[in-house]
Amino acid sequence: MARVVWHVPVTVTGRTTALRLFRLRDGRRCAVGFSSAEALAALLGPGQAHTELSEPALRALTDPLGVDALVLDPKLVAPPVTGPADRPAAVAPVQLQRR
């Protein structure tokens, strides 16, 4: 049986690598994994550092942190970006007069 590998986003600072944790809609922390490096780059950008982990390895890293939710191939849940017509009009700057 082939080993299933998740592509997991990480943050690299100097010589330290840490898992990136996210939040579910209800506010609970979760770890995410992607089925391919391409899927990860499509959602988080091509510059997102990542590592390959199996699901049991990811669970072993997140369980001590109290993170019990894992999400495979998440989708963006932010509100969609709308065009300029849907944005509030910019307010003209007010010029103050000195007295």
C-alpha atoms as a PDB file:
ATOM      1  CA  MET A   1       0.000   0.000   0.000  1.00  0.00           C
ATOM      2  CA  ALA A   2       1.362   3.406  -0.980  1.00  0.00           C
ATOM      3  CA  ARG A   3       1.961   5.946   1.746  1.00  0.00           C
ATOM      4  CA  VAL A   4      -0.368   8.944   1.500  1.00  0.00           C
ATOM      5  CA  VAL A   5       1.555  12.188   1.797  1.00  0.00           C
ATOM      6  CA  TRP A   6       0.022  15.528   2.741  1.00  0.00           C
ATOM      7  CA  HIS A   7       1.695  18.760   1.691  1.00  0.00           C
ATOM      8  CA  VAL A   8       1.523  20.831   4.875  1.00  0.00           C
ATOM      9  CA  PRO A   9       2.205  24.599   4.993  1.00  0.00           C
ATOM     10  CA  VAL A  10       4.970  25.704   7.333  1.00  0.00           C
ATOM     11  CA  THR A  11       6.626  28.922   8.406  1.00  0.00           C
ATOM     12  CA  VAL A  12      10.404  29.073   8.203  1.00  0.00           C
ATOM     13  CA  THR A  13      12.258  31.578  10.382  1.00  0.00           C
ATOM     14  CA  GLY A  14      16.023  31.212  10.285  1.00  0.00           C
ATOM     15  CA  ARG A  15      16.718  27.566  11.094  1.00  0.00           C
ATOM     16  CA  THR A  16      13.304  26.997  12.690  1.00  0.00           C
ATOM     17  CA  THR A  17      10.410  25.416  10.823  1.00  0.00           C
ATOM     18  CA  ALA A  18       6.920  25.507  12.361  1.00  0.00           C
ATOM     19  CA  LEU A  19       3.549  24.235  11.193  1.00  0.00           C
ATOM     20  CA  ARG A  20       1.091  26.898  10.079  1.00  0.00           C
ATOM     21  CA  LEU A  21      -2.154  26.476  11.951  1.00  0.00           C
ATOM     22  CA  PHE A  22      -5.440  27.918  10.760  1.00  0.00           C
ATOM     23  CA  ARG A  23      -8.920  28.457  12.212  1.00  0.00           C
ATOM     24  CA  LEU A  24     -12.227  26.874  11.352  1.00  0.00           C
ATOM     25  CA  ARG A  25     -15.325  29.056  11.009  1.00  0.00           C
ATOM     26  CA  ASP A  26     -16.244  28.282  14.619  1.00  0.00           C
ATOM     27  CA  GLY A  27     -12.853  29.581  15.807  1.00  0.00           C
ATOM     28  CA  ARG A  28     -11.203  26.234  16.611  1.00  0.00           C
ATOM     29  CA  ARG A  29      -7.617  25.802  15.467  1.00  0.00           C
ATOM     30  CA  CYS A  30      -6.921  23.272  12.736  1.00  0.00           C
ATOM     31  CA  ALA A  31      -4.048  21.959  10.697  1.00  0.00           C
ATOM     32  CA  VAL A  32      -4.382  21.763   6.940  1.00  0.00           C
ATOM     33  CA  GLY A  33      -2.851  19.533   4.334  1.00  0.00           C
ATOM     34  CA  PHE A  34      -3.061  19.411   0.577  1.00  0.00           C
ATOM     35  CA  SER A  35      -3.111  16.411  -1.719  1.00  0.00           C
ATOM     36  CA  SER A  36      -0.522  18.044  -3.992  1.00  0.00           C
ATOM     37  CA  ALA A  37       2.029  20.832  -3.947  1.00  0.00           C
ATOM     38  CA  GLU A  38       0.081  22.433  -6.810  1.00  0.00           C
ATOM     39  CA  ALA A  39      -3.123  22.559  -4.742  1.00  0.00           C
ATOM     40  CA  LEU A  40      -1.212  24.192  -1.874  1.00  0.00           C
ATOM     41  CA  ALA A  41       0.327  26.801  -4.198  1.00  0.00           C
ATOM     42  CA  ALA A  42      -3.033  27.524  -5.837  1.00  0.00           C
ATOM     43  CA  LEU A  43      -4.578  28.499  -2.492  1.00  0.00           C
ATOM     44  CA  LEU A  44      -1.656  29.905  -0.481  1.00  0.00           C
ATOM     45  CA  GLY A  45       0.613  31.141  -3.257  1.00  0.00           C
ATOM     46  CA  PRO A  46       3.706  29.719  -4.921  1.00  0.00           C
ATOM     47  CA  GLY A  47       6.017  31.113  -2.242  1.00  0.00           C
ATOM     48  CA  GLN A  48       4.373  29.189   0.616  1.00  0.00           C
ATOM     49  CA  ALA A  49       6.913  26.885   2.247  1.00  0.00           C
ATOM     50  CA  HIS A  50       5.664  23.375   2.950  1.00  0.00           C
ATOM     51  CA  THR A  51       6.746  19.956   4.102  1.00  0.00           C
ATOM     52  CA  GLU A  52       5.461  16.488   3.367  1.00  0.00           C
ATOM     53  CA  LEU A  53       3.876  14.569   6.255  1.00  0.00           C
ATOM     54  CA  SER A  54       1.628  11.558   6.625  1.00  0.00           C
ATOM     55  CA  GLU A  55      -1.679  12.047   8.439  1.00  0.00           C
ATOM     56  CA  PRO A  56      -0.457  10.134  11.536  1.00  0.00           C
ATOM     57  CA  ALA A  57       2.677  12.320  11.687  1.00  0.00           C
ATOM     58  CA  LEU A  58       0.606  15.507  11.400  1.00  0.00           C
ATOM     59  CA  ARG A  59      -1.719  14.291  14.158  1.00  0.00           C
ATOM     60  CA  ALA A  60       1.276  13.452  16.372  1.00  0.00           C
ATOM     61  CA  LEU A  61       2.567  17.019  15.958  1.00  0.00           C
ATOM     62  CA  THR A  62      -0.765  18.757  16.557  1.00  0.00           C
ATOM     63  CA  ASP A  63      -2.291  16.613  19.341  1.00  0.00           C
ATOM     64  CA  PRO A  64      -0.020  18.053  22.094  1.00  0.00           C
ATOM     65  CA  LEU A  65      -1.152  21.529  21.007  1.00  0.00           C
ATOM     66  CA  GLY A  66      -4.819  20.641  21.490  1.00  0.00           C
ATOM     67  CA  VAL A  67      -5.469  20.747  17.743  1.00  0.00           C
ATOM     68  CA  ASP A  68      -7.687  17.821  16.802  1.00  0.00           C
ATOM     69  CA  ALA A  69      -9.113  19.059  13.483  1.00  0.00           C
ATOM     70  CA  LEU A  70      -7.326  18.297  10.218  1.00  0.00           C
ATOM     71  CA  VAL A  71      -8.595  19.644   6.901  1.00  0.00           C
ATOM     72  CA  LEU A  72      -7.494  18.140   3.585  1.00  0.00           C
ATOM     73  CA  ASP A  73      -7.587  20.433   0.539  1.00  0.00           C
ATOM     74  CA  PRO A  74      -9.364  23.402   2.165  1.00  0.00           C
ATOM     75  CA  LYS A  75     -11.088  26.000   0.050  1.00  0.00           C
ATOM     76  CA  LEU A  76     -10.880  29.747   0.534  1.00  0.00           C
ATOM     77  CA  VAL A  77     -13.678  30.904   2.822  1.00  0.00           C
ATOM     78  CA  ALA A  78     -13.039  34.635   2.760  1.00  0.00           C
ATOM     79  CA  PRO A  79     -15.731  36.797   1.183  1.00  0.00           C
ATOM     80  CA  PRO A  80     -15.190  37.205  -2.557  1.00  0.00           C
ATOM     81  CA  VAL A  81     -13.394  40.306  -3.732  1.00  0.00           C
ATOM     82  CA  THR A  82     -15.802  42.574  -5.550  1.00  0.00           C
ATOM     83  CA  GLY A  83     -15.226  45.070  -8.315  1.00  0.00           C
ATOM     84  CA  PRO A  84     -14.665  48.803  -7.815  1.00  0.00           C
ATOM     85  CA  ALA A  85     -18.380  49.580  -8.241  1.00  0.00           C
ATOM     86  CA  ASP A  86     -19.175  47.543  -5.132  1.00  0.00           C
ATOM     87  CA  ARG A  87     -16.594  49.238  -2.969  1.00  0.00           C
ATOM     88  CA  PRO A  88     -17.476  52.275  -0.867  1.00  0.00           C
ATOM     89  CA  ALA A  89     -16.511  55.538  -2.483  1.00  0.00           C
ATOM     90  CA  ALA A  90     -13.307  57.040  -1.217  1.00  0.00           C
ATOM     91  CA  VAL A  91     -13.771  60.030   1.008  1.00  0.00           C
ATOM     92  CA  ALA A  92     -11.991  63.133  -0.200  1.00  0.00           C
ATOM     93  CA  PRO A  93      -9.397  64.373   2.270  1.00  0.00           C
ATOM     94  CA  VAL A  94     -10.449  67.329   4.343  1.00  0.00           C
ATOM     95  CA  GLN A  95      -8.137  70.289   4.338  1.00  0.00           C
ATOM     96  CA  LEU A  96      -7.819  71.922   7.708  1.00  0.00           C
ATOM     97  CA  GLN A  97      -7.429  75.682   7.867  1.00  0.00           C
ATOM     98  CA  ARG A  98      -5.089  77.209  10.350  1.00  0.00           C
ATOM     99  CA  ARG A  99      -6.371  80.123  12.365  1.00  0.00           C
END
